[in-house]
N, C-alpha and C. Protein backbone atom coordinates (compact mmCIF):
# COMPACT_ATOMS: atom_id res chain seq x y z
N MET A 1 1.02 -0.94 0.32
CA MET A 1 0.31 0.22 0.16
C MET A 1 0.71 1.17 0.15
N ARG A 2 0.33 1.78 -0.85
CA ARG A 2 1.46 3.41 -1.29
C ARG A 2 0.94 4.51 0.72
N CYS A 3 1.77 4.99 0.50
CA CYS A 3 2.04 5.72 1.52
C CYS A 3 1.43 7.23 1.32
N PRO A 4 0.21 7.87 1.98
CA PRO A 4 -0.35 9.37 1.20
C PRO A 4 0.39 9.91 2.00
N PHE A 5 1.78 9.82 2.58
CA PHE A 5 2.69 10.85 2.96
C PHE A 5 3.21 11.32 2.21
N CYS A 6 4.31 10.62 1.71
CA CYS A 6 5.13 10.40 1.02
C CYS A 6 5.88 9.32 -0.19
N GLY A 7 4.59 8.46 -0.57
CA GLY A 7 4.72 8.05 -1.63
C GLY A 7 5.41 7.09 -1.50
N HIS A 8 5.77 6.15 -0.14
CA HIS A 8 7.21 4.79 -0.57
C HIS A 8 5.75 3.85 -0.62
N GLU A 9 6.41 2.65 -1.07
CA GLU A 9 5.62 2.08 -1.24
C GLU A 9 4.74 0.99 -0.43
N ASP A 10 5.67 0.34 -0.02
CA ASP A 10 6.16 -0.77 1.20
C ASP A 10 5.09 -0.26 2.96
N SER A 11 4.61 -0.47 2.98
CA SER A 11 4.08 -0.33 4.43
C SER A 11 3.64 -1.57 4.94
N GLN A 12 3.93 -1.63 6.66
CA GLN A 12 3.44 -2.86 7.48
C GLN A 12 1.74 -2.39 8.11
N VAL A 13 1.00 -4.04 8.78
CA VAL A 13 -0.05 -3.63 9.07
C VAL A 13 0.12 -3.65 10.82
N LYS A 14 -0.51 -3.26 10.97
CA LYS A 14 0.07 -2.80 12.71
C LYS A 14 -1.35 -3.53 13.47
N ASP A 15 -2.95 -3.20 12.78
CA ASP A 15 -3.49 -3.38 13.52
C ASP A 15 -4.71 -3.81 12.20
N SER A 16 -5.62 -4.68 12.54
CA SER A 16 -6.90 -5.27 11.87
C SER A 16 -7.77 -4.97 12.47
N ARG A 17 -8.38 -4.93 11.59
CA ARG A 17 -10.18 -5.27 12.52
C ARG A 17 -11.17 -5.43 11.59
N PRO A 18 -12.27 -6.03 12.04
CA PRO A 18 -13.46 -5.81 11.13
C PRO A 18 -14.56 -4.23 11.10
N THR A 19 -15.06 -4.49 10.25
CA THR A 19 -15.90 -2.67 10.61
C THR A 19 -17.16 -3.06 9.65
N GLU A 20 -18.37 -1.62 9.68
CA GLU A 20 -19.22 -2.62 8.77
C GLU A 20 -20.54 -3.66 9.36
N ASP A 21 -20.36 -4.48 10.01
CA ASP A 21 -20.99 -5.43 9.99
C ASP A 21 -19.78 -6.50 9.32
N GLY A 22 -19.09 -6.21 9.48
CA GLY A 22 -17.98 -7.60 8.57
C GLY A 22 -17.77 -7.17 6.50
N ALA A 23 -18.45 -6.37 6.75
CA ALA A 23 -18.50 -6.24 5.47
C ALA A 23 -16.79 -5.38 4.90
N ALA A 24 -16.44 -5.00 5.70
CA ALA A 24 -15.06 -4.05 5.37
C ALA A 24 -14.52 -4.93 6.38
N ILE A 25 -13.02 -4.09 6.20
CA ILE A 25 -11.57 -4.16 7.18
C ILE A 25 -11.57 -3.61 7.02
N ARG A 26 -10.76 -2.82 8.38
CA ARG A 26 -10.22 -2.02 8.73
C ARG A 26 -9.26 -1.85 8.72
N ARG A 27 -8.04 -1.41 8.26
CA ARG A 27 -6.13 -1.60 8.80
C ARG A 27 -5.32 -0.46 9.34
N ARG A 28 -5.18 -0.53 10.43
CA ARG A 28 -3.67 0.43 10.35
C ARG A 28 -2.91 0.00 9.88
N ARG A 29 -1.80 1.21 8.96
CA ARG A 29 -0.85 0.60 8.36
C ARG A 29 0.67 2.08 8.64
N GLN A 30 1.60 1.15 8.99
CA GLN A 30 2.77 2.53 9.02
C GLN A 30 3.66 1.75 7.81
N CYS A 31 4.16 3.50 7.57
CA CYS A 31 4.86 3.90 6.40
C CYS A 31 6.38 2.96 7.01
N GLU A 32 7.20 2.24 6.02
CA GLU A 32 8.55 2.15 6.20
C GLU A 32 9.51 2.89 6.03
N GLY A 33 9.07 3.98 5.10
CA GLY A 33 9.98 4.92 4.75
C GLY A 33 9.55 5.36 5.60
N CYS A 34 8.43 6.73 6.07
CA CYS A 34 8.60 7.01 7.18
C CYS A 34 8.02 7.87 8.39
N ALA A 35 7.25 6.67 8.75
CA ALA A 35 6.97 5.97 9.67
C ALA A 35 5.97 6.47 9.98
N ALA A 36 4.92 7.04 8.72
CA ALA A 36 3.69 8.00 9.60
C ALA A 36 2.90 6.49 9.62
N ARG A 37 1.73 6.76 9.62
CA ARG A 37 0.64 5.47 10.55
C ARG A 37 -0.64 6.65 9.86
N PHE A 38 -1.66 5.42 9.05
CA PHE A 38 -3.12 5.61 8.46
C PHE A 38 -3.91 4.35 8.15
N THR A 39 -4.49 4.99 7.63
CA THR A 39 -5.91 3.36 8.11
C THR A 39 -6.94 2.99 6.50
N THR A 40 -6.43 2.07 6.22
CA THR A 40 -7.20 1.69 5.04
C THR A 40 -8.19 0.82 5.55
N PHE A 41 -9.39 0.70 3.99
CA PHE A 41 -10.07 -0.08 4.36
C PHE A 41 -10.66 -0.98 3.02
N GLU A 42 -10.73 -2.22 2.97
CA GLU A 42 -10.78 -3.33 2.24
C GLU A 42 -12.34 -3.87 2.74
N ARG A 43 -13.35 -3.97 1.25
CA ARG A 43 -14.49 -3.49 0.85
C ARG A 43 -14.67 -4.82 -0.12
N ILE A 44 -15.61 -5.59 0.34
CA ILE A 44 -15.58 -6.55 -1.02
C ILE A 44 -16.94 -5.96 -2.07
N GLN A 45 -16.95 -6.49 -2.84
CA GLN A 45 -16.91 -5.60 -4.31
C GLN A 45 -16.88 -6.98 -5.13
N LEU A 46 -18.58 -7.60 -4.98
CA LEU A 46 -19.12 -8.12 -5.55
C LEU A 46 -19.08 -8.52 -7.51
N ARG A 47 -19.15 -7.33 -8.14
CA ARG A 47 -19.08 -6.61 -8.97
C ARG A 47 -19.13 -5.76 -9.74
N ASP A 48 -18.72 -5.01 -10.81
CA ASP A 48 -18.33 -3.76 -11.47
C ASP A 48 -19.65 -2.92 -11.71
N LEU A 49 -19.80 -2.38 -11.15
CA LEU A 49 -21.07 -1.29 -11.58
C LEU A 49 -21.22 -0.25 -12.56
N THR A 50 -21.76 -0.39 -12.93
CA THR A 50 -22.17 1.37 -14.10
C THR A 50 -23.29 1.79 -14.07
N VAL A 51 -23.33 3.51 -13.73
CA VAL A 51 -24.40 3.60 -13.32
C VAL A 51 -25.46 4.41 -15.14
N LEU A 52 -26.19 4.80 -14.75
CA LEU A 52 -26.21 4.78 -15.97
C LEU A 52 -26.89 6.20 -16.18
N LYS A 53 -26.53 7.32 -15.93
CA LYS A 53 -26.93 8.79 -15.86
C LYS A 53 -27.97 8.79 -16.73
N SER A 54 -29.12 10.53 -16.73
CA SER A 54 -29.54 11.43 -18.02
C SER A 54 -28.49 11.16 -19.00
N GLU A 55 -29.41 11.21 -20.55
CA GLU A 55 -28.78 11.61 -21.49
C GLU A 55 -27.84 10.12 -22.09
N ASN A 56 -28.08 8.99 -21.54
CA ASN A 56 -27.35 7.58 -21.43
C ASN A 56 -25.59 8.25 -21.44
N ARG A 57 -25.66 8.51 -20.78
CA ARG A 57 -24.24 8.84 -19.77
C ARG A 57 -23.74 7.81 -19.05
N ARG A 58 -22.77 7.21 -18.66
CA ARG A 58 -22.46 6.05 -18.04
C ARG A 58 -20.94 6.39 -17.53
N GLU A 59 -20.71 5.74 -16.02
CA GLU A 59 -19.80 6.16 -14.92
C GLU A 59 -19.97 5.13 -14.40
N PRO A 60 -18.89 4.65 -13.75
CA PRO A 60 -18.54 3.99 -13.03
C PRO A 60 -19.52 4.18 -11.37
N PHE A 61 -19.56 2.92 -10.48
CA PHE A 61 -20.98 3.03 -9.65
C PHE A 61 -19.04 3.62 -8.56
N ASP A 62 -19.50 5.30 -7.03
CA ASP A 62 -18.72 5.40 -6.67
C ASP A 62 -19.56 5.36 -5.62
N ARG A 63 -19.24 4.45 -4.55
CA ARG A 63 -19.00 4.57 -3.39
C ARG A 63 -19.38 5.27 -2.34
N GLU A 64 -18.13 6.29 -2.44
CA GLU A 64 -17.98 7.69 -2.21
C GLU A 64 -18.73 8.75 -2.29
N LYS A 65 -19.14 9.15 -3.77
CA LYS A 65 -20.04 10.01 -4.06
C LYS A 65 -21.70 8.91 -3.55
N LEU A 66 -21.87 8.21 -3.07
CA LEU A 66 -23.18 7.71 -2.24
C LEU A 66 -23.49 7.84 -1.41
N ALA A 67 -21.91 8.36 -0.75
CA ALA A 67 -21.54 8.13 0.71
C ALA A 67 -21.63 9.63 1.67
N ARG A 68 -21.19 10.34 0.72
CA ARG A 68 -21.68 11.79 0.81
C ARG A 68 -22.60 12.70 1.00
N SER A 69 -23.43 11.79 -0.71
CA SER A 69 -24.61 12.85 -1.00
C SER A 69 -25.26 12.80 0.35
N VAL A 70 -25.60 11.02 0.96
CA VAL A 70 -26.34 10.80 2.03
C VAL A 70 -25.39 11.70 2.96
N ALA A 71 -24.31 12.00 3.62
CA ALA A 71 -24.41 12.74 5.01
C ALA A 71 -24.51 13.76 4.37
N ILE A 72 -24.36 14.65 3.08
CA ILE A 72 -25.02 16.62 3.02
C ILE A 72 -26.32 16.27 3.15
N ALA A 73 -27.01 15.16 3.26
CA ALA A 73 -28.68 15.03 3.87
C ALA A 73 -28.23 15.20 5.35
N CYS A 74 -28.09 14.68 6.05
CA CYS A 74 -27.89 13.89 7.35
C CYS A 74 -26.81 14.90 7.96
N ARG A 75 -26.73 15.73 7.60
CA ARG A 75 -25.88 16.95 8.27
C ARG A 75 -26.18 17.87 9.16
N LYS A 76 -25.58 18.36 10.03
CA LYS A 76 -26.07 18.40 11.29
C LYS A 76 -27.50 17.61 12.01
N ARG A 77 -27.86 16.60 11.75
CA ARG A 77 -29.27 16.09 12.32
C ARG A 77 -28.79 15.49 13.71
N PRO A 78 -29.48 14.90 14.04
CA PRO A 78 -29.02 13.78 15.63
C PRO A 78 -29.24 12.34 15.06
N ILE A 79 -28.56 11.98 14.09
CA ILE A 79 -28.59 10.78 13.54
C ILE A 79 -26.56 9.85 13.44
N ASP A 80 -27.60 8.78 14.37
CA ASP A 80 -25.15 8.14 14.45
C ASP A 80 -24.94 7.66 13.18
N PRO A 81 -23.54 8.48 13.03
CA PRO A 81 -23.00 7.59 11.95
C PRO A 81 -23.31 5.90 11.64
N THR A 82 -23.35 5.41 12.17
CA THR A 82 -23.29 3.86 11.85
C THR A 82 -24.21 3.41 11.77
N ARG A 83 -25.37 4.14 11.45
CA ARG A 83 -26.84 4.05 11.04
C ARG A 83 -26.42 4.12 9.29
N ILE A 84 -25.80 5.93 9.03
CA ILE A 84 -25.70 5.94 7.53
C ILE A 84 -24.62 5.32 7.18
N GLU A 85 -23.50 4.94 7.68
CA GLU A 85 -22.81 3.64 7.01
C GLU A 85 -23.24 2.91 6.80
N LYS A 86 -24.66 2.40 7.21
CA LYS A 86 -25.33 0.93 8.02
C LYS A 86 -26.09 1.60 6.04
N LEU A 87 -26.72 2.34 5.99
CA LEU A 87 -27.80 2.96 4.87
C LEU A 87 -27.27 2.80 3.46
N VAL A 88 -25.64 3.48 3.32
CA VAL A 88 -24.47 3.11 2.64
C VAL A 88 -24.85 1.63 2.28
N SER A 89 -23.93 1.30 2.70
CA SER A 89 -23.56 -0.31 2.79
C SER A 89 -24.69 -0.95 2.41
N GLY A 90 -26.15 -1.19 3.20
CA GLY A 90 -26.94 -1.52 2.71
C GLY A 90 -27.82 -1.50 0.73
N ILE A 91 -26.92 -0.27 0.84
CA ILE A 91 -27.75 0.24 -0.73
C ILE A 91 -26.64 -0.35 -1.63
N GLN A 92 -25.77 -0.24 -1.51
CA GLN A 92 -24.18 -1.09 -2.38
C GLN A 92 -24.26 -2.84 -2.59
N ARG A 93 -24.64 -3.36 -1.02
CA ARG A 93 -25.02 -4.69 -1.31
C ARG A 93 -25.86 -5.06 -1.83
N GLN A 94 -27.00 -4.44 -1.93
CA GLN A 94 -28.53 -4.57 -2.94
C GLN A 94 -28.16 -4.47 -4.41
N LEU A 95 -27.36 -2.84 -4.86
CA LEU A 95 -27.05 -3.27 -6.61
C LEU A 95 -26.12 -3.54 -6.80
N GLU A 96 -25.21 -4.49 -6.00
CA GLU A 96 -23.90 -5.44 -6.40
C GLU A 96 -24.70 -7.21 -6.37
N THR A 97 -25.97 -6.63 -5.42
CA THR A 97 -26.25 -7.93 -5.41
C THR A 97 -27.53 -8.27 -6.49
N SER A 98 -27.90 -7.03 -7.63
CA SER A 98 -29.31 -7.05 -8.20
C SER A 98 -28.99 -7.73 -9.52
N GLY A 99 -28.19 -8.68 -9.81
CA GLY A 99 -27.63 -9.07 -10.67
C GLY A 99 -27.21 -7.99 -12.25
N ASP A 100 -27.53 -7.15 -12.11
CA ASP A 100 -27.88 -6.14 -13.34
C ASP A 100 -26.11 -5.19 -12.61
N SER A 101 -25.28 -4.92 -14.01
CA SER A 101 -23.97 -4.81 -14.21
C SER A 101 -24.17 -2.82 -14.33
N GLU A 102 -25.74 -2.87 -14.91
CA GLU A 102 -25.83 -1.22 -15.16
C GLU A 102 -26.79 -0.88 -14.66
N ILE A 103 -27.09 0.17 -13.51
CA ILE A 103 -28.09 0.78 -12.05
C ILE A 103 -28.39 2.11 -13.09
N GLY A 104 -29.47 2.76 -13.16
CA GLY A 104 -30.07 4.02 -13.77
C GLY A 104 -29.60 5.01 -12.62
N SER A 105 -29.37 5.56 -12.10
CA SER A 105 -29.10 6.98 -11.36
C SER A 105 -30.49 7.04 -10.58
N ILE A 106 -31.54 7.11 -11.68
CA ILE A 106 -33.12 7.27 -10.62
C ILE A 106 -32.88 6.05 -9.45
N HIS A 107 -32.44 5.07 -10.34
CA HIS A 107 -33.64 4.10 -9.37
C HIS A 107 -32.13 4.17 -7.77
N ILE A 108 -31.28 4.62 -7.51
CA ILE A 108 -29.81 4.76 -6.98
C ILE A 108 -30.82 5.73 -6.42
N GLY A 109 -31.55 6.64 -6.70
CA GLY A 109 -32.20 8.32 -5.60
C GLY A 109 -33.33 8.12 -5.46
N GLU A 110 -33.70 6.19 -5.37
CA GLU A 110 -35.10 6.03 -5.29
C GLU A 110 -34.65 4.95 -4.15
N MET A 111 -33.72 4.42 -3.94
CA MET A 111 -33.20 3.70 -2.91
C MET A 111 -32.57 4.49 -1.92
N VAL A 112 -31.90 5.39 -1.68
CA VAL A 112 -31.24 7.07 -0.84
C VAL A 112 -32.68 6.92 -0.80
N MET A 113 -34.27 7.44 -0.76
CA MET A 113 -34.95 7.85 -0.80
C MET A 113 -35.64 7.35 0.16
N GLU A 114 -35.78 5.76 0.00
CA GLU A 114 -36.19 4.71 0.85
C GLU A 114 -35.68 5.02 1.93
N GLY A 115 -34.61 4.73 2.18
CA GLY A 115 -33.39 4.66 3.34
C GLY A 115 -33.56 5.83 4.70
N LEU A 116 -33.58 6.84 3.38
CA LEU A 116 -33.75 8.31 4.26
C LEU A 116 -35.14 8.72 4.95
N LYS A 117 -36.02 7.79 4.24
CA LYS A 117 -37.18 8.25 4.38
C LYS A 117 -37.23 7.62 6.17
N GLY A 118 -37.13 6.34 6.45
CA GLY A 118 -36.39 5.88 7.50
C GLY A 118 -35.97 6.12 8.71
N LEU A 119 -34.89 6.61 7.50
CA LEU A 119 -34.08 6.97 8.97
C LEU A 119 -33.70 8.67 9.77
N ASP A 120 -33.95 9.62 8.51
CA ASP A 120 -34.61 11.11 9.22
C ASP A 120 -35.72 12.14 8.72
N SER A 121 -36.92 12.42 8.88
CA SER A 121 -37.08 12.87 7.83
C SER A 121 -36.95 15.15 7.29
N VAL A 122 -35.84 15.00 8.07
CA VAL A 122 -35.60 16.43 8.31
C VAL A 122 -34.50 15.59 6.73
N ALA A 123 -33.38 14.92 6.84
CA ALA A 123 -32.72 14.88 5.97
C ALA A 123 -33.77 13.91 4.68
N TYR A 124 -34.14 13.10 4.86
CA TYR A 124 -35.24 12.47 3.32
C TYR A 124 -35.95 13.79 2.67
N ILE A 125 -36.46 15.06 3.41
CA ILE A 125 -36.60 16.43 2.29
C ILE A 125 -35.55 17.23 1.74
N ARG A 126 -34.06 16.81 2.59
CA ARG A 126 -32.97 17.38 1.83
C ARG A 126 -32.94 17.02 0.62
N PHE A 127 -32.97 15.55 0.93
CA PHE A 127 -32.53 14.51 -0.17
C PHE A 127 -32.94 15.04 -1.30
N ALA A 128 -34.50 14.76 -0.89
CA ALA A 128 -35.32 14.93 -2.31
C ALA A 128 -35.51 16.09 -2.69
N SER A 129 -34.47 16.99 -1.71
CA SER A 129 -34.42 19.28 -2.73
C SER A 129 -33.95 19.03 -4.24
N VAL A 130 -32.66 18.55 -4.12
CA VAL A 130 -32.02 18.10 -4.80
C VAL A 130 -31.92 17.06 -6.57
N TYR A 131 -32.33 15.23 -5.22
CA TYR A 131 -33.50 14.69 -6.12
C TYR A 131 -33.86 15.40 -7.75
N LYS A 132 -34.95 15.49 -6.48
CA LYS A 132 -36.04 16.04 -7.27
C LYS A 132 -35.73 17.15 -8.10
N ASP A 133 -35.10 18.09 -7.67
CA ASP A 133 -34.95 19.54 -8.16
C ASP A 133 -35.97 20.95 -7.67
N PHE A 134 -35.96 20.63 -6.34
CA PHE A 134 -37.05 21.24 -6.65
C PHE A 134 -37.03 22.87 -7.04
N THR A 135 -37.97 23.52 -6.91
CA THR A 135 -36.99 25.11 -7.47
C THR A 135 -38.04 26.06 -7.05
N GLU A 136 -38.56 25.75 -5.83
CA GLU A 136 -39.50 27.11 -5.46
C GLU A 136 -39.90 26.63 -3.42
N ALA A 137 -40.09 27.72 -2.90
CA ALA A 137 -40.39 26.79 -1.52
C ALA A 137 -41.36 25.98 -1.23
N ARG A 138 -42.61 26.96 -2.77
CA ARG A 138 -43.70 25.88 -2.83
C ARG A 138 -44.00 24.20 -3.27
N ASP A 139 -42.70 23.85 -3.03
CA ASP A 139 -42.11 22.67 -3.79
C ASP A 139 -41.90 22.09 -2.20
N PHE A 140 -41.12 22.52 -1.82
CA PHE A 140 -40.80 22.12 0.39
C PHE A 140 -41.74 22.21 0.01
N GLU A 141 -42.75 23.12 0.76
CA GLU A 141 -43.77 23.02 1.60
C GLU A 141 -45.36 22.04 0.98
N GLU A 142 -45.24 21.67 -0.45
CA GLU A 142 -45.69 20.67 -0.66
C GLU A 142 -45.71 18.84 -0.93
N PHE A 143 -43.99 18.71 -0.85
CA PHE A 143 -43.59 17.68 -0.17
C PHE A 143 -43.47 17.03 1.17
N ALA A 144 -42.94 18.11 1.40
CA ALA A 144 -42.94 17.96 3.01
C ALA A 144 -44.63 17.76 4.08
N GLY A 145 -45.42 18.71 3.42
CA GLY A 145 -47.36 18.31 3.99
C GLY A 145 -47.33 16.35 3.62
N THR A 146 -47.16 15.79 1.83
CA THR A 146 -46.59 14.64 2.11
C THR A 146 -46.28 14.21 3.16
N VAL A 147 -44.56 14.00 3.44
CA VAL A 147 -44.37 13.59 4.47
C VAL A 147 -45.00 13.38 5.54
N MET A 148 -45.44 14.13 5.84
CA MET A 148 -45.78 14.67 7.37
C MET A 148 -47.61 13.71 7.58
N GLU A 149 -48.46 13.73 6.27
CA GLU A 149 -49.53 12.64 5.85
C GLU A 149 -48.92 11.25 6.32
N ALA A 150 -47.91 10.81 5.67
CA ALA A 150 -48.07 9.78 6.18
C ALA A 150 -47.10 9.46 6.76
N GLY A 151 -46.94 10.12 8.21
CA GLY A 151 -46.50 10.28 9.62
C GLY A 151 -45.02 10.56 9.84
N GLY A 152 -44.41 10.81 8.87
CA GLY A 152 -42.46 11.63 9.09
C GLY A 152 -42.29 11.64 10.77
N LYS A 153 -41.22 11.12 11.11
CA LYS A 153 -40.77 11.53 11.87
C LYS A 153 -40.57 12.69 12.14
């Protein structure tokens, strides 16, 4: 593993432990060149996924991009970070086990919306505002009304 500080090619694993309900391994490493310590994560990747974007553009699935968008929706909300990580891991696992190597971005967005709906209503509305491209305050009001009618938290 290349050192992120000095670029040295070799590092020594100091500690390994499972994370994310056993779906990943967290490794503490020490660079043999500069002695700096850093952490890496190893995750099982069942298949290479491609996301079908609008206008038939394709790009590789990026777990970190998914995690960032969920984290932005959940920012400053009283949500345990492990619940957010479980949501992201669950979505990734569903996508990888679906049997399809190409997934529409709309499908991924719907999965995130469904997950956030059960996690936090404010994060759900935040994500929906970007995902559904709200342009006016009335859009927020109407969507929030549907969430309240459905019994959102």
